[in-house]
């Protein structure tokens, strides 16, 4: 009996190694990703799973799957690798499990189908393609995040989720939520657990969670792997043609840097003094010694001012071309305002210019106090809605500098969601171009400008407000 079990385990490992080698031969740019995962057998789990470090598998299941359909384990192996590359397993505690599981499986299977590899063709490919085409009519980008958002917005019923899972699911995702390998042997009990949150809550959360410690090292490894894949894929893009479209979208989604807009604004701050007790430079020893020696008379008192970084002179340029919606512009200005009005961000008096422009300057406002800012926000109107040309704003700001409107202009943020023409020569102040895009276009900015890409929903995200 023990000899039979050893033989089953060895045969299963041989099948997995065969699948691994097959993928490496056909997808050379994935060799680094494939080399990270190590196989770990768990008997009676009746399936496979991946957690970013291990591929867990039931030896008997692997053999049965291989006998049933020779290409099935190739596809399943590739399926699990892509889950790791796209970091599907690092999820927040408020995400709906069923929606997220299915969205991840669909995104991965869409990539595999687009690759059009003969070594991963299985019997249900045609059914998958039919369902994917139906979803593509509703979702522009076939990434897990976008598909998940669709499921939440449409409140997909349970019976439809079950039906789609029967088409797309190849591995179990139970380990994503528990990180307890011992529970993989009782998947039925584990998967019957109630959701962490209700479906009504999921439209306010982001699937990916914050990790730390050893987990963060694994995340960093896969981030670097995804970036390397993205670079390597370019060498194969001519040969693969449009077959790598979905893969490229998902890689850009993973590798695109996530920014905290509030932290980003600090790049434009300057040192200054503010009337505020500076407890950081206060010496309690001399203070208490004086109280003891002279009876309620301290030798030293805390400083009544504190040096801190604040925004004093600044320009916010707004692209009001036809491609930028008024609601989005107002959300951006409101968000920037909420951050800047924080007690340690703005000087009491400051010099802020807000400029609206499409192909020419449409509106310009000078703001020197919070009262001015409040009035501007309450009465703000979007003017323009023509074409897009960034150069008039730079000419306008350069003229203000020449006229000594600014003493020490720290920088300008240019808000846009479209393409435009930049000046050929860099200005004498810092420039940040803030793009709002729900897609994964690689928008070009000059080398002298900082690029920040935000998603539309980040314009109203509470955790980034001041």
Protein backbone atom coordinates (compact mmCIF):
# COMPACT_ATOMS: atom_id res chain seq x y z
CA UNK A 1 0.00 0.00 0.00
CA UNK A 2 2.80 2.41 0.91
CA UNK A 3 4.55 1.49 -2.33
CA UNK A 4 1.39 2.32 -4.30
CA UNK A 5 1.09 5.72 -2.56
CA UNK A 6 4.72 6.50 -3.32
CA UNK A 7 4.16 5.60 -6.96
CA UNK A 8 1.05 7.80 -7.15
CA UNK A 9 2.94 10.74 -5.67
CA UNK A 10 5.83 10.24 -8.08
CA UNK A 11 3.53 9.96 -11.10
CA UNK A 12 1.68 13.13 -10.05
CA UNK A 13 4.97 14.99 -9.66
CA UNK A 14 6.04 13.78 -13.10
CA UNK A 15 2.82 15.15 -14.58
CA UNK A 16 3.36 18.53 -12.90
CA UNK A 17 6.98 18.67 -14.10
CA UNK A 18 5.82 17.83 -17.61
CA UNK A 19 3.29 20.68 -17.46
CA UNK A 20 5.91 23.02 -16.08
CA UNK A 21 8.41 22.22 -18.84
CA UNK A 22 5.73 22.51 -21.51
CA UNK A 23 4.85 26.03 -20.38
CA UNK A 24 8.50 27.08 -20.21
CA UNK A 25 9.09 25.89 -23.78
CA UNK A 26 6.06 27.72 -25.13
CA UNK A 27 6.27 30.87 -22.99
CA UNK A 28 9.93 31.71 -22.47
CA UNK A 29 9.13 35.06 -20.86
CA UNK A 30 7.47 33.21 -17.97
CA UNK A 31 10.49 31.16 -16.87
CA UNK A 32 11.17 33.37 -13.85
CA UNK A 33 7.56 33.19 -12.68
CA UNK A 34 7.48 29.43 -13.08
CA UNK A 35 10.70 28.96 -11.11
CA UNK A 36 9.31 30.67 -7.98
CA UNK A 37 6.60 28.13 -7.18
CA UNK A 38 7.37 24.81 -5.57
CA UNK A 39 5.01 21.78 -5.60
CA UNK A 40 3.59 20.53 -2.31
CA UNK A 41 1.34 17.46 -2.18
CA UNK A 42 -1.70 17.33 0.09
CA UNK A 43 -3.69 14.12 -0.14
CA UNK A 44 -7.48 14.15 -0.32
CA UNK A 45 -7.76 17.88 -1.07
CA UNK A 46 -9.23 16.82 -4.43
CA UNK A 47 -7.83 19.73 -6.41
CA UNK A 48 -5.02 22.25 -6.71
CA UNK A 49 -4.30 25.63 -5.13
CA UNK A 50 -1.58 28.29 -5.10
CA UNK A 51 -0.54 30.85 -2.50
CA UNK A 52 2.33 32.67 -4.16
CA UNK A 53 4.98 30.32 -2.83
CA UNK A 54 3.60 26.79 -3.27
CA UNK A 55 1.47 24.88 -5.71
CA UNK A 56 -0.62 22.55 -3.55
CA UNK A 57 -1.99 19.46 -5.24
CA UNK A 58 -3.70 16.19 -4.53
CA UNK A 59 -1.57 13.50 -6.28
CA UNK A 60 -4.57 11.31 -7.12
CA UNK A 61 -6.48 14.30 -8.50
CA UNK A 62 -3.55 15.24 -10.76
CA UNK A 63 -3.33 11.74 -12.22
CA UNK A 64 -7.10 11.51 -12.80
CA UNK A 65 -7.16 14.95 -14.45
CA UNK A 66 -4.27 13.99 -16.74
CA UNK A 67 -5.97 10.73 -17.72
CA UNK A 68 -9.25 12.53 -18.37
CA UNK A 69 -7.72 15.22 -20.59
CA UNK A 70 -4.01 15.31 -21.37
CA UNK A 71 -3.82 19.13 -21.71
CA UNK A 72 -5.85 19.90 -18.58
CA UNK A 73 -2.93 20.02 -16.14
CA UNK A 74 -0.92 22.21 -18.52
CA UNK A 75 -3.75 24.71 -18.48
CA UNK A 76 -4.28 24.39 -14.74
CA UNK A 77 -0.59 24.96 -14.05
CA UNK A 78 -0.52 28.07 -16.24
CA UNK A 79 -3.79 29.21 -14.64
CA UNK A 80 -2.24 29.14 -11.16
CA UNK A 81 0.98 30.86 -12.26
CA UNK A 82 -1.01 33.74 -13.72
CA UNK A 83 -2.95 34.12 -10.46
CA UNK A 84 0.41 34.77 -8.79
CA UNK A 85 1.74 37.08 -11.49
CA UNK A 86 -1.44 39.18 -11.26
CA UNK A 87 -1.34 38.98 -7.42
CA UNK A 88 -4.92 37.76 -7.19
CA UNK A 89 -4.30 36.04 -3.87
CA UNK A 90 -3.50 39.29 -1.94
CA UNK A 91 -7.00 40.53 -1.21
CA UNK A 92 -8.70 42.79 1.30
CA UNK A 93 -10.87 41.51 4.12
CA UNK A 94 -14.03 43.15 2.78
CA UNK A 95 -14.03 41.64 -0.68
CA UNK A 96 -16.85 39.31 -1.69
CA UNK A 97 -15.21 35.90 -2.06
CA UNK A 98 -17.44 34.46 -4.77
CA UNK A 99 -17.28 37.57 -6.95
CA UNK A 100 -13.52 37.92 -6.56
CA UNK A 101 -12.79 34.21 -7.13
CA UNK A 102 -14.81 34.16 -10.32
CA UNK A 103 -13.42 37.49 -11.58
CA UNK A 104 -9.86 36.21 -11.11
CA UNK A 105 -10.58 32.94 -12.91
CA UNK A 106 -12.23 34.72 -15.84
CA UNK A 107 -9.34 37.21 -16.17
CA UNK A 108 -6.78 34.39 -16.19
CA UNK A 109 -8.73 32.22 -18.61
CA UNK A 110 -9.17 35.18 -20.95
CA UNK A 111 -5.38 35.60 -21.05
CA UNK A 112 -4.83 31.89 -21.68
CA UNK A 113 -7.35 31.85 -24.51
CA UNK A 114 -5.79 34.92 -26.11
CA UNK A 115 -2.36 33.26 -26.04
CA UNK A 116 -3.83 30.61 -28.35
CA UNK A 117 -1.44 27.83 -27.31
CA UNK A 118 -2.09 24.33 -28.57
CA UNK A 119 -0.60 22.80 -25.43
CA UNK A 120 -3.38 24.19 -23.20
CA UNK A 121 -6.44 23.49 -25.35
CA UNK A 122 -9.19 21.82 -23.34
CA UNK A 123 -12.70 20.67 -24.13
CA UNK A 124 -14.53 23.69 -22.69
CA UNK A 125 -12.53 26.41 -24.49
CA UNK A 126 -15.39 27.26 -26.87
CA UNK A 127 -17.81 27.68 -23.98
CA UNK A 128 -15.32 29.93 -22.20
CA UNK A 129 -14.83 32.10 -25.28
CA UNK A 130 -18.60 32.55 -25.64
CA UNK A 131 -18.94 33.74 -22.05
CA UNK A 132 -15.86 35.99 -22.31
CA UNK A 133 -17.20 37.66 -25.44
CA UNK A 134 -20.45 38.38 -23.62
CA UNK A 135 -18.52 40.00 -20.77
CA UNK A 136 -16.34 42.02 -23.15
CA UNK A 137 -19.48 43.80 -24.30
CA UNK A 138 -19.76 45.19 -20.75
CA UNK A 139 -16.14 45.39 -19.57
CA UNK A 140 -13.52 47.31 -21.54
CA UNK A 141 -10.53 45.78 -19.73
CA UNK A 142 -10.59 42.10 -18.84
CA UNK A 143 -8.76 42.36 -15.54
CA UNK A 144 -9.99 40.89 -12.26
CA UNK A 145 -10.64 44.35 -10.79
CA UNK A 146 -12.83 45.48 -13.67
CA UNK A 147 -14.75 42.21 -13.86
CA UNK A 148 -15.26 42.26 -10.09
CA UNK A 149 -16.60 45.81 -10.31
CA UNK A 150 -19.10 44.65 -12.94
CA UNK A 151 -20.32 41.79 -10.74
CA UNK A 152 -20.79 44.16 -7.80
CA UNK A 153 -22.64 46.77 -9.86
CA UNK A 154 -24.96 44.19 -11.43
CA UNK A 155 -25.34 42.18 -8.21
CA UNK A 156 -24.90 38.88 -10.06
CA UNK A 157 -27.18 36.22 -8.48
CA UNK A 158 -25.77 33.12 -6.82
CA UNK A 159 -27.07 30.69 -9.46
CA UNK A 160 -25.27 32.65 -12.20
CA UNK A 161 -22.07 32.65 -10.15
CA UNK A 162 -22.32 28.88 -9.76
CA UNK A 163 -22.89 28.45 -13.50
CA UNK A 164 -19.92 30.60 -14.45
CA UNK A 165 -17.69 28.88 -11.92
CA UNK A 166 -18.45 25.56 -13.56
CA UNK A 167 -17.06 27.02 -16.78
CA UNK A 168 -13.98 28.93 -15.55
CA UNK A 169 -12.82 27.53 -12.21
CA UNK A 170 -9.83 25.19 -12.34
CA UNK A 171 -8.27 25.57 -8.88
CA UNK A 172 -9.51 26.36 -5.39
CA UNK A 173 -8.85 29.76 -3.83
CA UNK A 174 -9.55 28.77 -0.22
CA UNK A 175 -5.94 29.32 0.81
CA UNK A 176 -6.16 32.96 -0.28
CA UNK A 177 -8.48 33.74 2.62
CA UNK A 178 -7.01 31.58 5.38
CA UNK A 179 -3.29 31.08 4.59
CA UNK A 180 -3.68 27.89 6.63
CA UNK A 181 -2.50 24.88 4.64
CA UNK A 182 -4.01 22.43 7.12
CA UNK A 183 -7.50 23.55 6.15
CA UNK A 184 -6.98 22.58 2.51
CA UNK A 185 -7.79 18.98 3.42
CA UNK A 186 -11.35 20.03 4.26
CA UNK A 187 -12.25 22.29 1.38
CA UNK A 188 -15.98 21.63 1.48
CA UNK A 189 -16.25 22.94 5.04
CA UNK A 190 -13.96 25.86 4.31
CA UNK A 191 -15.79 27.04 1.21
CA UNK A 192 -19.17 26.88 3.00
CA UNK A 193 -18.13 29.63 5.42
CA UNK A 194 -20.14 32.85 5.26
CA UNK A 195 -18.83 35.88 3.41
CA UNK A 196 -16.74 38.37 5.34
CA UNK A 197 -18.98 41.16 4.15
CA UNK A 198 -22.28 41.62 2.39
CA UNK A 199 -22.50 42.38 -1.31
CA UNK A 200 -23.81 45.83 -0.46
CA UNK A 201 -20.45 46.71 1.13
CA UNK A 202 -18.21 45.55 -1.68
CA UNK A 203 -18.61 48.56 -3.96
CA UNK A 204 -16.67 50.65 -1.45
CA UNK A 205 -13.61 48.46 -1.14
CA UNK A 206 -10.48 47.71 -3.09
CA UNK A 207 -9.73 43.99 -3.57
CA UNK A 208 -6.04 44.16 -2.74
CA UNK A 209 -5.03 44.29 0.91
CA UNK A 210 -2.05 45.84 2.67
CA UNK A 211 0.59 43.31 3.65
CA UNK A 212 3.68 43.50 5.81
CA UNK A 213 6.61 41.45 7.07
CA UNK A 214 7.41 38.20 5.30
CA UNK A 215 4.25 38.47 3.17
CA UNK A 216 5.42 41.80 1.74
CA UNK A 217 8.63 40.15 0.54
CA UNK A 218 6.59 37.64 -1.46
CA UNK A 219 4.51 40.46 -2.91
CA UNK A 220 7.68 42.33 -3.91
CA UNK A 221 9.05 39.21 -5.61
CA UNK A 222 5.92 38.86 -7.73
CA UNK A 223 5.83 42.58 -8.50
CA UNK A 224 9.37 42.42 -9.81
CA UNK A 225 8.50 39.24 -11.71
CA UNK A 226 5.53 40.94 -13.35
CA UNK A 227 7.72 43.89 -14.37
CA UNK A 228 10.31 41.53 -15.84
CA UNK A 229 7.60 39.66 -17.72
CA UNK A 230 6.35 42.94 -19.11
CA UNK A 231 9.81 43.75 -20.44
CA UNK A 232 10.40 40.24 -21.79
CA UNK A 233 6.99 40.21 -23.42
CA UNK A 234 7.99 43.14 -25.62
CA UNK A 235 10.62 40.91 -27.24
CA UNK A 236 7.91 38.37 -28.07
CA UNK A 237 5.19 40.87 -29.00
CA UNK A 238 5.92 40.88 -32.73
CA UNK A 239 5.71 37.12 -32.91
CA UNK A 240 2.62 36.91 -30.70
CA UNK A 241 0.79 39.84 -32.29
CA UNK A 242 -2.57 40.60 -30.66
CA UNK A 243 -2.48 37.33 -28.71
CA UNK A 244 -0.80 39.05 -25.76
CA UNK A 245 -3.40 41.83 -25.46
CA UNK A 246 -5.14 40.57 -22.32
CA UNK A 247 -1.84 39.55 -20.75
CA UNK A 248 -0.42 43.02 -21.34
CA UNK A 249 -3.48 44.69 -19.79
CA UNK A 250 -3.23 42.57 -16.67
CA UNK A 251 0.52 43.13 -16.34
CA UNK A 252 0.10 46.89 -16.61
CA UNK A 253 -2.64 46.71 -13.99
CA UNK A 254 -0.24 44.97 -11.59
CA UNK A 255 2.91 46.97 -12.34
CA UNK A 256 1.31 50.41 -12.42
CA UNK A 257 2.48 52.23 -9.32
CA UNK A 258 -0.11 53.12 -6.70
CA UNK A 259 0.24 56.59 -5.22
CA UNK A 260 -1.11 58.43 -2.24
CA UNK A 261 -2.14 61.77 -3.69
CA UNK A 262 -1.72 63.53 -0.33
CA UNK A 263 1.89 62.33 -0.10
CA UNK A 264 2.40 63.31 -3.72
CA UNK A 265 1.41 66.91 -2.98
CA UNK A 266 4.11 67.15 -0.32
CA UNK A 267 6.71 67.21 -3.11
CA UNK A 268 5.63 70.79 -3.76
CA UNK A 269 5.90 72.01 -0.19
CA UNK A 270 8.56 74.40 1.14
CA UNK A 271 9.96 75.00 4.63
CA UNK A 272 8.38 77.73 6.70
CA UNK A 273 7.52 78.69 10.27
CA UNK A 274 4.10 78.43 11.83
CA UNK A 275 2.83 79.66 15.19
CA UNK A 276 2.49 76.36 17.01
CA UNK A 277 4.04 74.83 20.11
CA UNK A 278 7.05 72.81 19.00
CA UNK A 279 7.04 69.89 21.41
CA UNK A 280 9.68 68.06 19.37
CA UNK A 281 12.39 70.54 20.45
CA UNK A 282 11.07 70.96 24.00
CA UNK A 283 13.33 69.74 26.86
CA UNK A 284 11.22 68.34 29.69
CA UNK A 285 14.25 67.99 31.99
CA UNK A 286 14.96 71.73 32.24
CA UNK A 287 11.23 72.50 32.36
CA UNK A 288 10.50 70.24 35.35
CA UNK A 289 13.78 71.21 37.07
CA UNK A 290 12.78 74.86 36.96
CA UNK A 291 9.35 74.10 38.37
CA UNK A 292 10.97 72.24 41.26
CA UNK A 293 13.74 74.80 41.94
CA UNK A 294 11.80 78.06 41.56
CA UNK A 295 8.31 76.84 42.44
CA UNK A 296 6.15 76.95 39.33
CA UNK A 297 8.66 78.93 37.24
CA UNK A 298 10.20 76.86 34.43
CA UNK A 299 13.74 77.47 33.21
CA UNK A 300 12.63 76.89 29.61
CA UNK A 301 9.33 76.95 27.77
CA UNK A 302 8.38 75.30 24.50
CA UNK A 303 9.00 77.24 21.30
CA UNK A 304 5.91 79.05 20.04
CA UNK A 305 6.72 78.34 16.42
CA UNK A 306 7.53 75.20 14.47
CA UNK A 307 9.35 74.74 11.18
CA UNK A 308 7.37 72.58 8.78
CA UNK A 309 6.89 71.96 5.09
CA UNK A 310 3.91 73.78 3.63
CA UNK A 311 2.55 74.90 0.29
CA UNK A 312 2.98 78.64 -0.23
CA UNK A 313 3.07 79.31 -4.00
CA UNK A 314 1.43 76.89 -6.35
CA UNK A 315 -0.42 76.50 -9.67
CA UNK A 316 -3.25 74.08 -10.45
CA UNK A 317 -3.85 73.82 -14.18
CA UNK A 318 -7.02 72.11 -15.38
CA UNK A 319 -7.54 70.62 -18.81
CA UNK A 320 -11.11 71.60 -19.74
CA UNK A 321 -11.07 70.01 -23.19
CA UNK A 322 -13.96 67.92 -24.44
CA UNK A 323 -12.33 64.75 -23.12
CA UNK A 324 -12.48 65.93 -19.49
CA UNK A 325 -15.85 65.85 -17.74
CA UNK A 326 -16.89 68.74 -15.52
CA UNK A 327 -17.81 66.41 -12.68
CA UNK A 328 -14.35 64.82 -12.73
CA UNK A 329 -12.65 68.24 -12.72
CA UNK A 330 -14.70 69.40 -9.76
CA UNK A 331 -13.92 66.18 -7.90
CA UNK A 332 -10.20 66.70 -8.52
CA UNK A 333 -10.21 70.32 -7.34
CA UNK A 334 -12.30 69.36 -4.32
CA UNK A 335 -9.91 66.53 -3.47
CA UNK A 336 -6.87 68.78 -3.85
CA UNK A 337 -8.58 71.42 -1.74
CA UNK A 338 -9.39 68.92 1.03
CA UNK A 339 -5.73 67.90 1.19
CA UNK A 340 -4.27 71.41 0.98
CA UNK A 341 -6.55 72.91 3.61
CA UNK A 342 -5.10 70.57 6.26
CA UNK A 343 -3.75 72.50 9.23
CA UNK A 344 -0.09 71.72 8.40
CA UNK A 345 -0.26 72.04 4.63
CA UNK A 346 -1.05 75.63 3.71
CA UNK A 347 0.58 78.76 5.08
CA UNK A 348 -1.90 81.21 6.58
CA UNK A 349 -1.33 83.38 3.54
CA UNK A 350 -0.46 81.82 0.23
CA UNK A 351 -0.44 82.46 -3.49
CA UNK A 352 -2.39 79.88 -5.46
CA UNK A 353 -3.42 80.21 -9.11
CA UNK A 354 -6.06 77.94 -10.66
CA UNK A 355 -6.00 78.03 -14.47
CA UNK A 356 -8.54 76.44 -16.83
CA UNK A 357 -7.41 75.78 -20.39
CA UNK A 358 -8.31 73.76 -23.49
CA UNK A 359 -6.44 75.16 -26.50
CA UNK A 360 -6.28 78.57 -24.83
CA UNK A 361 -6.64 80.05 -21.36
CA UNK A 362 -10.34 80.02 -20.44
CA UNK A 363 -10.24 81.13 -16.83
CA UNK A 364 -7.64 82.10 -14.21
CA UNK A 365 -8.19 82.74 -10.53
CA UNK A 366 -5.78 84.00 -7.88
CA UNK A 367 -6.39 82.68 -4.38
CA UNK A 368 -4.57 84.04 -1.32
CA UNK A 369 -6.63 82.75 1.58
CA UNK A 370 -8.85 79.87 2.58
CA UNK A 371 -11.86 82.17 2.29
CA UNK A 372 -10.94 82.79 -1.38
CA UNK A 373 -10.59 79.05 -1.91
CA UNK A 374 -13.97 78.32 -0.31
CA UNK A 375 -15.62 80.93 -2.52
CA UNK A 376 -13.97 79.57 -5.67
CA UNK A 377 -15.04 76.00 -4.96
CA UNK A 378 -18.64 76.98 -4.24
CA UNK A 379 -18.96 79.03 -7.45
CA UNK A 380 -16.65 77.02 -9.72
CA UNK A 381 -17.72 76.72 -13.38
CA UNK A 382 -15.95 74.69 -16.03
CA UNK A 383 -15.08 76.75 -19.08
CA UNK A 384 -13.74 75.57 -22.42
CA UNK A 385 -14.51 72.02 -23.62
CA UNK A 386 -12.54 72.50 -26.85
CA UNK A 387 -9.32 70.73 -27.93
CA UNK A 388 -6.26 69.96 -25.82
CA UNK A 389 -3.01 71.94 -25.83
CA UNK A 390 -0.87 72.20 -22.71
CA UNK A 391 1.46 74.93 -23.99
CA UNK A 392 -0.76 78.00 -23.34
CA UNK A 393 -0.76 77.28 -19.59
CA UNK A 394 3.03 77.11 -19.49
CA UNK A 395 3.29 80.40 -21.41
CA UNK A 396 0.79 81.97 -19.00
CA UNK A 397 2.62 80.80 -15.88
CA UNK A 398 6.02 81.78 -17.32
CA UNK A 399 4.64 85.27 -17.87
CA UNK A 400 3.45 85.44 -14.25
CA UNK A 401 6.94 84.46 -13.12
CA UNK A 402 8.50 87.16 -15.30
CA UNK A 403 6.09 89.72 -13.84
CA UNK A 404 7.17 88.68 -10.33
CA UNK A 405 3.72 87.42 -9.47
CA UNK A 406 5.53 84.60 -7.68
CA UNK A 407 8.47 84.98 -5.31
CA UNK A 408 9.38 81.29 -5.25
CA UNK A 409 6.99 79.22 -7.35
CA UNK A 410 7.42 75.65 -6.19
CA UNK A 411 5.47 73.89 -8.90
CA UNK A 412 2.40 73.23 -11.00
CA UNK A 413 0.00 70.31 -11.15
CA UNK A 414 -1.64 69.83 -14.54
CA UNK A 415 -4.84 67.77 -14.36
CA UNK A 416 -5.99 66.02 -17.53
CA UNK A 417 -7.51 62.80 -18.82
CA UNK A 418 -6.45 63.28 -22.45
CA UNK A 419 -3.47 63.72 -24.74
CA UNK A 420 -1.95 67.11 -25.40
CA UNK A 421 1.13 68.96 -26.63
CA UNK A 422 3.84 69.85 -24.12
CA UNK A 423 6.49 72.59 -24.48
CA UNK A 424 9.80 71.37 -25.89
CA UNK A 425 11.87 73.12 -23.22
CA UNK A 426 11.39 72.43 -19.50
CA UNK A 427 10.10 75.24 -17.23
CA UNK A 428 12.04 76.52 -14.22
CA UNK A 429 9.56 75.04 -11.74
CA UNK A 430 8.44 71.49 -10.98
CA UNK A 431 5.58 70.08 -13.07
CA UNK A 432 3.36 67.11 -12.27
CA UNK A 433 0.87 65.77 -14.79
CA UNK A 434 -2.04 64.02 -13.12
CA UNK A 435 -3.92 61.68 -15.43
CA UNK A 436 -7.24 60.16 -14.50
CA UNK A 437 -7.73 56.94 -16.40
CA UNK A 438 -9.67 53.76 -15.82
CA UNK A 439 -7.53 52.00 -18.41
CA UNK A 440 -3.90 51.03 -18.83
CA UNK A 441 -2.68 53.34 -21.55
CA UNK A 442 0.98 54.23 -21.23
CA UNK A 443 0.60 57.99 -21.48
CA UNK A 444 3.79 59.81 -22.37
CA UNK A 445 5.00 62.91 -20.54
CA UNK A 446 8.28 64.77 -21.00
CA UNK A 447 11.27 63.60 -18.96
CA UNK A 448 11.14 66.80 -16.90
CA UNK A 449 7.57 66.18 -15.71
CA UNK A 450 6.32 63.85 -12.99
CA UNK A 451 3.46 61.55 -14.01
CA UNK A 452 0.77 60.45 -11.60
CA UNK A 453 -2.06 58.16 -12.75
CA UNK A 454 -5.23 58.03 -10.66
CA UNK A 455 -8.41 56.05 -11.18
CA UNK A 456 -11.76 57.88 -11.28
CA UNK A 457 -12.89 56.29 -8.00
CA UNK A 458 -9.76 57.63 -6.28
CA UNK A 459 -11.10 61.13 -6.79
CA UNK A 460 -13.62 60.46 -4.02
CA UNK A 461 -11.74 57.90 -1.87
CA UNK A 462 -12.17 58.95 1.74
CA UNK A 463 -8.82 57.67 2.98
CA UNK A 464 -6.95 60.09 0.77
CA UNK A 465 -8.85 63.16 1.77
CA UNK A 466 -7.35 65.78 3.98
